[in-house]
Amino acid sequence: MARITGGEVLKRCLIQEGVRYVFGVPGDQLYPLLDAIYKDKRIEFITMRHEAAAAHAADAWTRATGQPGVCIGTVGPGAANLIGGVLSGFCRQHTNNCDYGPKPVLAFIPRPGLSTSPRPALAF
């Protein structure tokens, strides 16, 4: 049986849930996931200049299409920068202002201290 990376496992799960785009800022801990996304044409990584923009783009995508919006960031300040856009999606999901029902916005942040060594562990 072939061994796969945690990034490959996460990518397969995202595709299975209908995710077409992942928004974020590339970072060292994210490379296993980004490598897996790059090798598959069913899902695409959209590079943003700031994590907050990635979170708001994921929120806008899910509002416009009804498909899951996914954003990723690095640990520390990158994770903190995702909060605004994810909170916007969370608050909208828990009010009666939803025209088309609740739509998820997912944020993935890698585990602190994760190296890019080729370990086959899921680290998200």
PDB file of N, CA and C in Angstrom:
ATOM      1  N   MET A   1       0.835  -1.170   0.000  1.00  0.00           N
ATOM      2  CA  MET A   1       0.000   0.000   0.000  1.00  0.00           C
ATOM      3  C   MET A   1       0.888   1.244   0.000  1.00  0.00           C
ATOM      4  N   ALA A   2       0.554   2.181  -0.859  1.00  0.00           N
ATOM      5  CA  ALA A   2       1.342   3.404  -0.958  1.00  0.00           C
ATOM      6  C   ALA A   2       1.043   4.330   0.221  1.00  0.00           C
ATOM      7  N   ARG A   3       2.068   5.001   0.704  1.00  0.00           N
ATOM      8  CA  ARG A   3       1.902   5.957   1.793  1.00  0.00           C
ATOM      9  C   ARG A   3       1.594   7.321   1.188  1.00  0.00           C
ATOM     10  N   ILE A   4       0.688   8.027   1.828  1.00  0.00           N
ATOM     11  CA  ILE A   4       0.353   9.361   1.347  1.00  0.00           C
ATOM     12  C   ILE A   4       0.560  10.369   2.471  1.00  0.00           C
ATOM     13  N   THR A   5       0.696  11.627   2.095  1.00  0.00           N
ATOM     14  CA  THR A   5       0.939  12.682   3.073  1.00  0.00           C
ATOM     15  C   THR A   5      -0.377  13.160   3.681  1.00  0.00           C
ATOM     16  N   GLY A   6      -0.273  13.868   4.784  1.00  0.00           N
ATOM     17  CA  GLY A   6      -1.445  14.475   5.394  1.00  0.00           C
ATOM     18  C   GLY A   6      -2.093  15.487   4.463  1.00  0.00           C
ATOM     19  N   GLY A   7      -1.266  16.196   3.689  1.00  0.00           N
ATOM     20  CA  GLY A   7      -1.803  17.143   2.720  1.00  0.00           C
ATOM     21  C   GLY A   7      -2.648  16.462   1.664  1.00  0.00           C
ATOM     22  N   GLU A   8      -2.214  15.284   1.221  1.00  0.00           N
ATOM     23  CA  GLU A   8      -2.979  14.517   0.232  1.00  0.00           C
ATOM     24  C   GLU A   8      -4.308  14.051   0.824  1.00  0.00           C
ATOM     25  N   VAL A   9      -4.297  13.615   2.069  1.00  0.00           N
ATOM     26  CA  VAL A   9      -5.531  13.185   2.734  1.00  0.00           C
ATOM     27  C   VAL A   9      -6.510  14.352   2.829  1.00  0.00           C
ATOM     28  N   LEU A  10      -6.023  15.516   3.271  1.00  0.00           N
ATOM     29  CA  LEU A  10      -6.883  16.684   3.401  1.00  0.00           C
ATOM     30  C   LEU A  10      -7.417  17.111   2.037  1.00  0.00           C
ATOM     31  N   LYS A  11      -6.570  17.091   1.015  1.00  0.00           N
ATOM     32  CA  LYS A  11      -7.015  17.464  -0.324  1.00  0.00           C
ATOM     33  C   LYS A  11      -8.126  16.538  -0.805  1.00  0.00           C
ATOM     34  N   ARG A  12      -7.987  15.242  -0.580  1.00  0.00           N
ATOM     35  CA  ARG A  12      -9.024  14.287  -0.988  1.00  0.00           C
ATOM     36  C   ARG A  12     -10.333  14.553  -0.260  1.00  0.00           C
ATOM     37  N   CYS A  13     -10.246  14.875   1.015  1.00  0.00           N
ATOM     38  CA  CYS A  13     -11.457  15.185   1.787  1.00  0.00           C
ATOM     39  C   CYS A  13     -12.131  16.451   1.256  1.00  0.00           C
ATOM     40  N   LEU A  14     -11.344  17.466   0.939  1.00  0.00           N
ATOM     41  CA  LEU A  14     -11.907  18.701   0.406  1.00  0.00           C
ATOM     42  C   LEU A  14     -12.603  18.461  -0.926  1.00  0.00           C
ATOM     43  N   ILE A  15     -11.983  17.698  -1.800  1.00  0.00           N
ATOM     44  CA  ILE A  15     -12.594  17.384  -3.094  1.00  0.00           C
ATOM     45  C   ILE A  15     -13.894  16.610  -2.899  1.00  0.00           C
ATOM     46  N   GLN A  16     -13.886  15.670  -1.981  1.00  0.00           N
ATOM     47  CA  GLN A  16     -15.081  14.870  -1.712  1.00  0.00           C
ATOM     48  C   GLN A  16     -16.237  15.746  -1.207  1.00  0.00           C
ATOM     49  N   GLU A  17     -15.914  16.843  -0.530  1.00  0.00           N
ATOM     50  CA  GLU A  17     -16.946  17.754  -0.029  1.00  0.00           C
ATOM     51  C   GLU A  17     -17.337  18.818  -1.044  1.00  0.00           C
ATOM     52  N   GLY A  18     -16.771  18.770  -2.239  1.00  0.00           N
ATOM     53  CA  GLY A  18     -17.157  19.701  -3.291  1.00  0.00           C
ATOM     54  C   GLY A  18     -16.380  20.999  -3.329  1.00  0.00           C
ATOM     55  N   VAL A  19     -15.245  21.053  -2.658  1.00  0.00           N
ATOM     56  CA  VAL A  19     -14.431  22.264  -2.653  1.00  0.00           C
ATOM     57  C   VAL A  19     -13.694  22.378  -3.988  1.00  0.00           C
ATOM     58  N   ARG A  20     -13.810  23.535  -4.637  1.00  0.00           N
ATOM     59  CA  ARG A  20     -13.105  23.771  -5.898  1.00  0.00           C
ATOM     60  C   ARG A  20     -11.918  24.707  -5.733  1.00  0.00           C
ATOM     61  N   TYR A  21     -11.995  25.620  -4.752  1.00  0.00           N
ATOM     62  CA  TYR A  21     -10.946  26.616  -4.555  1.00  0.00           C
ATOM     63  C   TYR A  21     -10.556  26.688  -3.086  1.00  0.00           C
ATOM     64  N   VAL A  22      -9.264  26.876  -2.849  1.00  0.00           N
ATOM     65  CA  VAL A  22      -8.730  27.118  -1.515  1.00  0.00           C
ATOM     66  C   VAL A  22      -7.987  28.444  -1.590  1.00  0.00           C
ATOM     67  N   PHE A  23      -8.329  29.372  -0.720  1.00  0.00           N
ATOM     68  CA  PHE A  23      -7.735  30.704  -0.700  1.00  0.00           C
ATOM     69  C   PHE A  23      -6.737  30.789   0.447  1.00  0.00           C
ATOM     70  N   GLY A  24      -5.596  31.427   0.213  1.00  0.00           N
ATOM     71  CA  GLY A  24      -4.642  31.560   1.305  1.00  0.00           C
ATOM     72  C   GLY A  24      -3.328  32.174   0.889  1.00  0.00           C
ATOM     73  N   VAL A  25      -2.444  32.251   1.862  1.00  0.00           N
ATOM     74  CA  VAL A  25      -1.083  32.743   1.664  1.00  0.00           C
ATOM     75  C   VAL A  25      -0.149  31.557   1.875  1.00  0.00           C
ATOM     76  N   PRO A  26       0.706  31.238   0.888  1.00  0.00           N
ATOM     77  CA  PRO A  26       1.594  30.082   1.054  1.00  0.00           C
ATOM     78  C   PRO A  26       2.528  30.275   2.239  1.00  0.00           C
ATOM     79  N   GLY A  27       2.785  29.184   2.923  1.00  0.00           N
ATOM     80  CA  GLY A  27       3.704  29.204   4.053  1.00  0.00           C
ATOM     81  C   GLY A  27       4.391  27.861   4.180  1.00  0.00           C
ATOM     82  N   ASP A  28       5.467  27.839   4.920  1.00  0.00           N
ATOM     83  CA  ASP A  28       6.302  26.650   5.043  1.00  0.00           C
ATOM     84  C   ASP A  28       5.520  25.422   5.485  1.00  0.00           C
ATOM     85  N   GLN A  29       4.661  25.571   6.486  1.00  0.00           N
ATOM     86  CA  GLN A  29       3.931  24.421   6.999  1.00  0.00           C
ATOM     87  C   GLN A  29       2.832  23.952   6.054  1.00  0.00           C
ATOM     88  N   LEU A  30       2.469  24.759   5.095  1.00  0.00           N
ATOM     89  CA  LEU A  30       1.362  24.426   4.186  1.00  0.00           C
ATOM     90  C   LEU A  30       1.817  23.681   2.934  1.00  0.00           C
ATOM     91  N   TYR A  31       3.106  23.528   2.730  1.00  0.00           N
ATOM     92  CA  TYR A  31       3.593  22.949   1.476  1.00  0.00           C
ATOM     93  C   TYR A  31       3.089  21.541   1.181  1.00  0.00           C
ATOM     94  N   PRO A  32       2.933  20.658   2.163  1.00  0.00           N
ATOM     95  CA  PRO A  32       2.375  19.340   1.821  1.00  0.00           C
ATOM     96  C   PRO A  32       0.975  19.435   1.205  1.00  0.00           C
ATOM     97  N   LEU A  33       0.138  20.307   1.752  1.00  0.00           N
ATOM     98  CA  LEU A  33      -1.194  20.500   1.177  1.00  0.00           C
ATOM     99  C   LEU A  33      -1.114  21.191  -0.174  1.00  0.00           C
ATOM    100  N   LEU A  34      -0.292  22.203  -0.282  1.00  0.00           N
ATOM    101  CA  LEU A  34      -0.175  22.933  -1.551  1.00  0.00           C
ATOM    102  C   LEU A  34       0.379  22.038  -2.658  1.00  0.00           C
ATOM    103  N   ASP A  35       1.322  21.179  -2.332  1.00  0.00           N
ATOM    104  CA  ASP A  35       1.842  20.226  -3.322  1.00  0.00           C
ATOM    105  C   ASP A  35       0.743  19.288  -3.801  1.00  0.00           C
ATOM    106  N   ALA A  36      -0.072  18.809  -2.878  1.00  0.00           N
ATOM    107  CA  ALA A  36      -1.165  17.901  -3.245  1.00  0.00           C
ATOM    108  C   ALA A  36      -2.191  18.618  -4.125  1.00  0.00           C
ATOM    109  N   ILE A  37      -2.505  19.867  -3.800  1.00  0.00           N
ATOM    110  CA  ILE A  37      -3.457  20.631  -4.608  1.00  0.00           C
ATOM    111  C   ILE A  37      -2.897  20.888  -5.994  1.00  0.00           C
ATOM    112  N   TYR A  38      -1.618  21.229  -6.067  1.00  0.00           N
ATOM    113  CA  TYR A  38      -0.994  21.539  -7.357  1.00  0.00           C
ATOM    114  C   TYR A  38      -1.057  20.364  -8.328  1.00  0.00           C
ATOM    115  N   LYS A  39      -0.990  19.152  -7.793  1.00  0.00           N
ATOM    116  CA  LYS A  39      -0.962  17.962  -8.640  1.00  0.00           C
ATOM    117  C   LYS A  39      -2.351  17.514  -9.106  1.00  0.00           C
ATOM    118  N   ASP A  40      -3.404  18.157  -8.639  1.00  0.00           N
ATOM    119  CA  ASP A  40      -4.766  17.726  -8.951  1.00  0.00           C
ATOM    120  C   ASP A  40      -5.521  18.871  -9.619  1.00  0.00           C
ATOM    121  N   LYS A  41      -6.108  18.621 -10.757  1.00  0.00           N
ATOM    122  CA  LYS A  41      -6.814  19.666 -11.505  1.00  0.00           C
ATOM    123  C   LYS A  41      -8.241  19.899 -11.020  1.00  0.00           C
ATOM    124  N   ARG A  42      -8.722  19.093 -10.080  1.00  0.00           N
ATOM    125  CA  ARG A  42     -10.092  19.262  -9.591  1.00  0.00           C
ATOM    126  C   ARG A  42     -10.215  20.335  -8.519  1.00  0.00           C
ATOM    127  N   ILE A  43      -9.093  20.802  -7.998  1.00  0.00           N
ATOM    128  CA  ILE A  43      -9.083  21.807  -6.940  1.00  0.00           C
ATOM    129  C   ILE A  43      -7.942  22.775  -7.232  1.00  0.00           C
ATOM    130  N   GLU A  44      -8.130  24.035  -6.865  1.00  0.00           N
ATOM    131  CA  GLU A  44      -7.139  25.060  -7.206  1.00  0.00           C
ATOM    132  C   GLU A  44      -6.851  25.935  -5.990  1.00  0.00           C
ATOM    133  N   PHE A  45      -5.581  26.289  -5.820  1.00  0.00           N
ATOM    134  CA  PHE A  45      -5.178  27.197  -4.755  1.00  0.00           C
ATOM    135  C   PHE A  45      -5.093  28.602  -5.327  1.00  0.00           C
ATOM    136  N   ILE A  46      -5.783  29.542  -4.690  1.00  0.00           N
ATOM    137  CA  ILE A  46      -5.758  30.949  -5.090  1.00  0.00           C
ATOM    138  C   ILE A  46      -4.870  31.692  -4.100  1.00  0.00           C
ATOM    139  N   THR A  47      -3.750  32.204  -4.586  1.00  0.00           N
ATOM    140  CA  THR A  47      -2.799  32.915  -3.731  1.00  0.00           C
ATOM    141  C   THR A  47      -3.311  34.320  -3.440  1.00  0.00           C
ATOM    142  N   MET A  48      -3.354  34.657  -2.177  1.00  0.00           N
ATOM    143  CA  MET A  48      -3.786  35.983  -1.749  1.00  0.00           C
ATOM    144  C   MET A  48      -2.591  36.714  -1.143  1.00  0.00           C
ATOM    145  N   ARG A  49      -2.706  38.018  -0.988  1.00  0.00           N
ATOM    146  CA  ARG A  49      -1.622  38.806  -0.412  1.00  0.00           C
ATOM    147  C   ARG A  49      -1.706  38.909   1.104  1.00  0.00           C
ATOM    148  N   HIS A  50      -2.864  38.579   1.658  1.00  0.00           N
ATOM    149  CA  HIS A  50      -3.055  38.689   3.103  1.00  0.00           C
ATOM    150  C   HIS A  50      -4.081  37.647   3.523  1.00  0.00           C
ATOM    151  N   GLU A  51      -3.901  37.096   4.710  1.00  0.00           N
ATOM    152  CA  GLU A  51      -4.811  36.054   5.189  1.00  0.00           C
ATOM    153  C   GLU A  51      -6.232  36.566   5.354  1.00  0.00           C
ATOM    154  N   ALA A  52      -6.390  37.829   5.755  1.00  0.00           N
ATOM    155  CA  ALA A  52      -7.738  38.386   5.895  1.00  0.00           C
ATOM    156  C   ALA A  52      -8.442  38.402   4.547  1.00  0.00           C
ATOM    157  N   ALA A  53      -7.717  38.745   3.506  1.00  0.00           N
ATOM    158  CA  ALA A  53      -8.304  38.727   2.155  1.00  0.00           C
ATOM    159  C   ALA A  53      -8.708  37.307   1.773  1.00  0.00           C
ATOM    160  N   ALA A  54      -7.912  36.320   2.170  1.00  0.00           N
ATOM    161  CA  ALA A  54      -8.241  34.925   1.872  1.00  0.00           C
ATOM    162  C   ALA A  54      -9.537  34.512   2.566  1.00  0.00           C
ATOM    163  N   ALA A  55      -9.695  34.898   3.828  1.00  0.00           N
ATOM    164  CA  ALA A  55     -10.906  34.549   4.564  1.00  0.00           C
ATOM    165  C   ALA A  55     -12.129  35.229   3.958  1.00  0.00           C
ATOM    166  N   HIS A  56     -11.995  36.482   3.590  1.00  0.00           N
ATOM    167  CA  HIS A  56     -13.126  37.183   2.981  1.00  0.00           C
ATOM    168  C   HIS A  56     -13.437  36.639   1.586  1.00  0.00           C
ATOM    169  N   ALA A  57     -12.418  36.224   0.856  1.00  0.00           N
ATOM    170  CA  ALA A  57     -12.646  35.609  -0.460  1.00  0.00           C
ATOM    171  C   ALA A  57     -13.385  34.279  -0.307  1.00  0.00           C
ATOM    172  N   ALA A  58     -13.013  33.495   0.694  1.00  0.00           N
ATOM    173  CA  ALA A  58     -13.714  32.232   0.942  1.00  0.00           C
ATOM    174  C   ALA A  58     -15.159  32.495   1.328  1.00  0.00           C
ATOM    175  N   ASP A  59     -15.387  33.513   2.136  1.00  0.00           N
ATOM    176  CA  ASP A  59     -16.743  33.877   2.523  1.00  0.00           C
ATOM    177  C   ASP A  59     -17.541  34.341   1.307  1.00  0.00           C
ATOM    178  N   ALA A  60     -16.941  35.170   0.470  1.00  0.00           N
ATOM    179  CA  ALA A  60     -17.625  35.643  -0.739  1.00  0.00           C
ATOM    180  C   ALA A  60     -17.939  34.482  -1.686  1.00  0.00           C
ATOM    181  N   TRP A  61     -17.000  33.551  -1.819  1.00  0.00           N
ATOM    182  CA  TRP A  61     -17.226  32.396  -2.691  1.00  0.00           C
ATOM    183  C   TRP A  61     -18.421  31.575  -2.219  1.00  0.00           C
ATOM    184  N   THR A  62     -18.485  31.326  -0.930  1.00  0.00           N
ATOM    185  CA  THR A  62     -19.583  30.510  -0.419  1.00  0.00           C
ATOM    186  C   THR A  62     -20.917  31.257  -0.487  1.00  0.00           C
ATOM    187  N   ARG A  63     -20.898  32.571  -0.320  1.00  0.00           N
ATOM    188  CA  ARG A  63     -22.133  33.356  -0.462  1.00  0.00           C
ATOM    189  C   ARG A  63     -22.621  33.338  -1.907  1.00  0.00           C
ATOM    190  N   ALA A  64     -21.693  33.461  -2.843  1.00  0.00           N
ATOM    191  CA  ALA A  64     -22.070  33.550  -4.256  1.00  0.00           C
ATOM    192  C   ALA A  64     -22.485  32.213  -4.859  1.00  0.00           C
ATOM    193  N   THR A  65     -21.874  31.125  -4.412  1.00  0.00           N
ATOM    194  CA  THR A  65     -22.099  29.838  -5.073  1.00  0.00           C
ATOM    195  C   THR A  65     -22.810  28.806  -4.219  1.00  0.00           C
ATOM    196  N   GLY A  66     -22.786  28.965  -2.904  1.00  0.00           N
ATOM    197  CA  GLY A  66     -23.337  27.954  -2.018  1.00  0.00           C
ATOM    198  C   GLY A  66     -22.397  26.799  -1.764  1.00  0.00           C
ATOM    199  N   GLN A  67     -21.229  26.806  -2.394  1.00  0.00           N
ATOM    200  CA  GLN A  67     -20.225  25.766  -2.178  1.00  0.00           C
ATOM    201  C   GLN A  67     -19.365  26.146  -0.975  1.00  0.00           C
ATOM    202  N   PRO A  68     -18.737  25.154  -0.352  1.00  0.00           N
ATOM    203  CA  PRO A  68     -17.895  25.476   0.813  1.00  0.00           C
ATOM    204  C   PRO A  68     -16.743  26.411   0.446  1.00  0.00           C
ATOM    205  N   GLY A  69     -16.529  27.419   1.269  1.00  0.00           N
ATOM    206  CA  GLY A  69     -15.391  28.318   1.103  1.00  0.00           C
ATOM    207  C   GLY A  69     -14.288  27.893   2.052  1.00  0.00           C
ATOM    208  N   VAL A  70     -13.077  27.763   1.550  1.00  0.00           N
ATOM    209  CA  VAL A  70     -11.960  27.275   2.360  1.00  0.00           C
ATOM    210  C   VAL A  70     -10.817  28.280   2.301  1.00  0.00           C
ATOM    211  N   CYS A  71     -10.269  28.599   3.478  1.00  0.00           N
ATOM    212  CA  CYS A  71      -9.091  29.457   3.535  1.00  0.00           C
ATOM    213  C   CYS A  71      -8.056  28.791   4.431  1.00  0.00           C
ATOM    214  N   ILE A  72      -6.803  29.070   4.148  1.00  0.00           N
ATOM    215  CA  ILE A  72      -5.718  28.519   4.943  1.00  0.00           C
ATOM    216  C   ILE A  72      -4.741  29.631   5.304  1.00  0.00           C
ATOM    217  N   GLY A  73      -4.105  29.464   6.438  1.00  0.00           N
ATOM    218  CA  GLY A  73      -3.105  30.419   6.886  1.00  0.00           C
ATOM    219  C   GLY A  73      -2.053  29.706   7.707  1.00  0.00           C
ATOM    220  N   THR A  74      -0.985  30.410   7.971  1.00  0.00           N
ATOM    221  CA  THR A  74       0.089  29.836   8.771  1.00  0.00           C
ATOM    222  C   THR A  74      -0.185  30.099  10.241  1.00  0.00           C
ATOM    223  N   VAL A  75       0.595  29.495  11.104  1.00  0.00           N
ATOM    224  CA  VAL A  75       0.401  29.653  12.546  1.00  0.00           C
ATOM    225  C   VAL A  75       0.738  31.075  12.978  1.00  0.00           C
ATOM    226  N   GLY A  76       0.244  31.465  14.123  1.00  0.00           N
ATOM    227  CA  GLY A  76       0.547  32.771  14.693  1.00  0.00           C
ATOM    228  C   GLY A  76      -0.258  33.881  14.053  1.00  0.00           C
ATOM    229  N   PRO A  77       0.413  34.928  13.590  1.00  0.00           N
ATOM    230  CA  PRO A  77      -0.303  36.063  13.016  1.00  0.00           C
ATOM    231  C   PRO A  77      -1.154  35.686  11.799  1.00  0.00           C
ATOM    232  N   GLY A  78      -0.704  34.717  11.030  1.00  0.00           N
ATOM    233  CA  GLY A  78      -1.497  34.287   9.874  1.00  0.00           C
ATOM    234  C   GLY A  78      -2.844  33.744  10.290  1.00  0.00           C
ATOM    235  N   ALA A  79      -2.860  32.970  11.358  1.00  0.00           N
ATOM    236  CA  ALA A  79      -4.121  32.430  11.870  1.00  0.00           C
ATOM    237  C   ALA A  79      -4.995  33.552  12.427  1.00  0.00           C
ATOM    238  N   ALA A  80      -4.399  34.488  13.130  1.00  0.00           N
ATOM    239  CA  ALA A  80      -5.163  35.601  13.691  1.00  0.00           C
ATOM    240  C   ALA A  80      -5.787  36.453  12.595  1.00  0.00           C
ATOM    241  N   ASN A  81      -5.100  36.596  11.479  1.00  0.00           N
ATOM    242  CA  ASN A  81      -5.613  37.402  10.377  1.00  0.00           C
ATOM    243  C   ASN A  81      -6.836  36.774   9.705  1.00  0.00           C
ATOM    244  N   LEU A  82      -7.038  35.479   9.864  1.00  0.00           N
ATOM    245  CA  LEU A  82      -8.198  34.812   9.266  1.00  0.00           C
ATOM    246  C   LEU A  82      -9.489  35.084  10.031  1.00  0.00           C
ATOM    247  N   ILE A  83      -9.379  35.540  11.264  1.00  0.00           N
ATOM    248  CA  ILE A  83     -10.540  35.607  12.153  1.00  0.00           C
ATOM    249  C   ILE A  83     -11.671  36.468  11.593  1.00  0.00           C
ATOM    250  N   GLY A  84     -11.358  37.631  11.056  1.00  0.00           N
ATOM    251  CA  GLY A  84     -12.408  38.541  10.585  1.00  0.00           C
ATOM    252  C   GLY A  84     -13.313  37.931   9.524  1.00  0.00           C
ATOM    253  N   GLY A  85     -12.725  37.329   8.508  1.00  0.00           N
ATOM    254  CA  GLY A  85     -13.521  36.733   7.442  1.00  0.00           C
ATOM    255  C   GLY A  85     -14.276  35.501   7.885  1.00  0.00           C
ATOM    256  N   VAL A  86     -13.653  34.701   8.730  1.00  0.00           N
ATOM    257  CA  VAL A  86     -14.323  33.501   9.233  1.00  0.00           C
ATOM    258  C   VAL A  86     -15.467  33.899  10.159  1.00  0.00           C
ATOM    259  N   LEU A  87     -15.271  34.920  10.973  1.00  0.00           N
ATOM    260  CA  LEU A  87     -16.327  35.402  11.860  1.00  0.00           C
ATOM    261  C   LEU A  87     -17.512  35.922  11.060  1.00  0.00           C
ATOM    262  N   SER A  88     -17.234  36.609   9.968  1.00  0.00           N
ATOM    263  CA  SER A  88     -18.311  37.096   9.113  1.00  0.00           C
ATOM    264  C   SER A  88     -19.175  35.945   8.610  1.00  0.00           C
ATOM    265  N   GLY A  89     -18.529  34.882   8.155  1.00  0.00           N
ATOM    266  CA  GLY A  89     -19.272  33.707   7.700  1.00  0.00           C
ATOM    267  C   GLY A  89     -20.003  33.025   8.835  1.00  0.00           C
ATOM    268  N   PHE A  90     -19.403  32.967  10.011  1.00  0.00           N
ATOM    269  CA  PHE A  90     -20.021  32.328  11.169  1.00  0.00           C
ATOM    270  C   PHE A  90     -21.262  33.099  11.611  1.00  0.00           C
ATOM    271  N   CYS A  91     -21.145  34.427  11.692  1.00  0.00           N
ATOM    272  CA  CYS A  91     -22.282  35.237  12.133  1.00  0.00           C
ATOM    273  C   CYS A  91     -23.426  35.156  11.135  1.00  0.00           C
ATOM    274  N   ARG A  92     -23.123  35.180   9.864  1.00  0.00           N
ATOM    275  CA  ARG A  92     -24.153  35.076   8.838  1.00  0.00           C
ATOM    276  C   ARG A  92     -24.853  33.731   8.927  1.00  0.00           C
ATOM    277  N   GLN A  93     -24.107  32.698   9.265  1.00  0.00           N
ATOM    278  CA  GLN A  93     -24.655  31.354   9.334  1.00  0.00           C
ATOM    279  C   GLN A  93     -25.634  31.205  10.501  1.00  0.00           C
ATOM    280  N   HIS A  94     -25.496  32.021  11.529  1.00  0.00           N
ATOM    281  CA  HIS A  94     -26.314  31.883  12.722  1.00  0.00           C
ATOM    282  C   HIS A  94     -27.324  33.012  12.892  1.00  0.00           C
ATOM    283  N   THR A  95     -27.706  33.651  11.779  1.00  0.00           N
ATOM    284  CA  THR A  95     -28.754  34.661  11.815  1.00  0.00           C
ATOM    285  C   THR A  95     -29.815  34.277  10.801  1.00  0.00           C
ATOM    286  N   ASN A  96     -30.854  35.044  10.763  1.00  0.00           N
ATOM    287  CA  ASN A  96     -31.925  34.788   9.801  1.00  0.00           C
ATOM    288  C   ASN A  96     -31.719  35.561   8.508  1.00  0.00           C
ATOM    289  N   ASN A  97     -30.547  36.121   8.303  1.00  0.00           N
ATOM    290  CA  ASN A  97     -30.277  36.904   7.103  1.00  0.00           C
ATOM    291  C   ASN A  97     -29.781  36.059   5.942  1.00  0.00           C
ATOM    292  N   CYS A  98     -29.855  34.755   6.033  1.00  0.00           N
ATOM    293  CA  CYS A  98     -29.362  33.867   4.986  1.00  0.00           C
ATOM    294  C   CYS A  98     -30.447  33.681   3.929  1.00  0.00           C
ATOM    295  N   ASP A  99     -30.217  34.112   2.738  1.00  0.00           N
ATOM    296  CA  ASP A  99     -31.178  33.928   1.654  1.00  0.00           C
ATOM    297  C   ASP A  99     -31.238  32.480   1.202  1.00  0.00           C
ATOM    298  N   TYR A 100     -30.131  31.803   1.219  1.00  0.00           N
ATOM    299  CA  TYR A 100     -30.054  30.448   0.680  1.00  0.00           C
ATOM    300  C   TYR A 100     -29.673  29.417   1.731  1.00  0.00           C
ATOM    301  N   GLY A 101     -29.842  29.710   2.975  1.00  0.00           N
ATOM    302  CA  GLY A 101     -29.472  28.772   4.017  1.00  0.00           C
ATOM    303  C   GLY A 101     -28.019  28.934   4.419  1.00  0.00           C
ATOM    304  N   PRO A 102     -27.603  28.250   5.479  1.00  0.00           N
ATOM    305  CA  PRO A 102     -26.220  28.387   5.961  1.00  0.00           C
ATOM    306  C   PRO A 102     -25.210  27.821   4.977  1.00  0.00           C
ATOM    307  N   LYS A 103     -24.103  28.523   4.853  1.00  0.00           N
ATOM    308  CA  LYS A 103     -23.029  28.109   3.961  1.00  0.00           C
ATOM    309  C   LYS A 103     -21.729  28.115   4.763  1.00  0.00           C
ATOM    310  N   PRO A 104     -20.994  27.032   4.734  1.00  0.00           N
ATOM    311  CA  PRO A 104     -19.801  26.948   5.586  1.00  0.00           C
ATOM    312  C   PRO A 104     -18.602  27.707   5.033  1.00  0.00           C
ATOM    313  N   VAL A 105     -17.842  28.284   5.941  1.00  0.00           N
ATOM    314  CA  VAL A 105     -16.515  28.825   5.647  1.00  0.00           C
ATOM    315  C   VAL A 105     -15.556  28.063   6.546  1.00  0.00           C
ATOM    316  N   LEU A 106     -14.610  27.357   5.959  1.00  0.00           N
ATOM    317  CA  LEU A 106     -13.661  26.545   6.715  1.00  0.00           C
ATOM    318  C   LEU A 106     -12.293  27.193   6.711  1.00  0.00           C
ATOM    319  N   ALA A 107     -11.631  27.184   7.841  1.00  0.00           N
ATOM    320  CA  ALA A 107     -10.264  27.703   7.952  1.00  0.00           C
ATOM    321  C   ALA A 107      -9.373  26.585   8.473  1.00  0.00           C
ATOM    322  N   PHE A 108      -8.258  26.369   7.803  1.00  0.00           N
ATOM    323  CA  PHE A 108      -7.287  25.370   8.223  1.00  0.00           C
ATOM    324  C   PHE A 108      -5.982  26.061   8.579  1.00  0.00           C
ATOM    325  N   ILE A 109      -5.471  25.714   9.748  1.00  0.00           N
ATOM    326  CA  ILE A 109      -4.196  26.235  10.220  1.00  0.00           C
ATOM    327  C   ILE A 109      -3.345  25.045  10.643  1.00  0.00           C
ATOM    328  N   PRO A 110      -2.102  24.962  10.180  1.00  0.00           N
ATOM    329  CA  PRO A 110      -1.267  23.814  10.566  1.00  0.00           C
ATOM    330  C   PRO A 110      -0.875  23.860  12.036  1.00  0.00           C
ATOM    331  N   ARG A 111      -0.488  22.718  12.527  1.00  0.00           N
ATOM    332  CA  ARG A 111      -0.033  22.581  13.911  1.00  0.00           C
ATOM    333  C   ARG A 111       1.271  23.366  14.115  1.00  0.00           C
ATOM    334  N   PRO A 112       1.406  24.125  15.208  1.00  0.00           N
ATOM    335  CA  PRO A 112       2.662  24.832  15.465  1.00  0.00           C
ATOM    336  C   PRO A 112       3.835  23.857  15.571  1.00  0.00           C
ATOM    337  N   GLY A 113       4.963  24.262  15.055  1.00  0.00           N
ATOM    338  CA  GLY A 113       6.164  23.449  15.145  1.00  0.00           C
ATOM    339  C   GLY A 113       6.271  22.393  14.068  1.00  0.00           C
ATOM    340  N   LEU A 114       5.344  22.385  13.132  1.00  0.00           N
ATOM    341  CA  LEU A 114       5.368  21.393  12.062  1.00  0.00           C
ATOM    342  C   LEU A 114       6.502  21.715  11.090  1.00  0.00           C
ATOM    343  N   SER A 115       7.313  20.739  10.823  1.00  0.00           N
ATOM    344  CA  SER A 115       8.360  20.930   9.818  1.00  0.00           C
ATOM    345  C   SER A 115       7.851  20.395   8.494  1.00  0.00           C
ATOM    346  N   THR A 116       8.593  20.624   7.445  1.00  0.00           N
ATOM    347  CA  THR A 116       8.199  20.136   6.127  1.00  0.00           C
ATOM    348  C   THR A 116       8.861  18.786   5.833  1.00  0.00           C
ATOM    349  N   SER A 117       9.242  18.073   6.870  1.00  0.00           N
ATOM    350  CA  SER A 117       9.817  16.757   6.665  1.00  0.00           C
ATOM    351  C   SER A 117       8.756  15.833   6.086  1.00  0.00           C
ATOM    352  N   PRO A 118       9.138  14.847   5.293  1.00  0.00           N
ATOM    353  CA  PRO A 118       8.150  14.007   4.601  1.00  0.00           C
ATOM    354  C   PRO A 118       7.506  12.956   5.511  1.00  0.00           C
ATOM    355  N   ARG A 119       6.909  13.400   6.594  1.00  0.00           N
ATOM    356  CA  ARG A 119       6.199  12.478   7.474  1.00  0.00           C
ATOM    357  C   ARG A 119       4.788  12.262   6.937  1.00  0.00           C
ATOM    358  N   PRO A 120       4.276  11.049   6.968  1.00  0.00           N
ATOM    359  CA  PRO A 120       2.946  10.806   6.415  1.00  0.00           C
ATOM    360  C   PRO A 120       1.823  11.064   7.422  1.00  0.00           C
ATOM    361  N   ALA A 121       2.002  12.050   8.277  1.00  0.00           N
ATOM    362  CA  ALA A 121       0.993  12.327   9.307  1.00  0.00           C
ATOM    363  C   ALA A 121       0.117  13.475   8.874  1.00  0.00           C
ATOM    364  N   LEU A 122      -1.159  13.423   9.240  1.00  0.00           N
ATOM    365  CA  LEU A 122      -2.062  14.534   9.003  1.00  0.00           C
ATOM    366  C   LEU A 122      -1.779  15.591  10.050  1.00  0.00           C
ATOM    367  N   ALA A 123      -1.375  16.746   9.630  1.00  0.00           N
ATOM    368  CA  ALA A 123      -0.930  17.736  10.583  1.00  0.00           C
ATOM    369  C   ALA A 123      -1.777  19.003  10.544  1.00  0.00           C
ATOM    370  N   PHE A 124      -2.994  18.908  10.086  1.00  0.00           N
ATOM    371  CA  PHE A 124      -3.854  20.096  10.013  1.00  0.00           C
ATOM    372  C   PHE A 124      -4.945  19.984  11.034  1.00  0.00           C
TER     373      PHE A 124
END
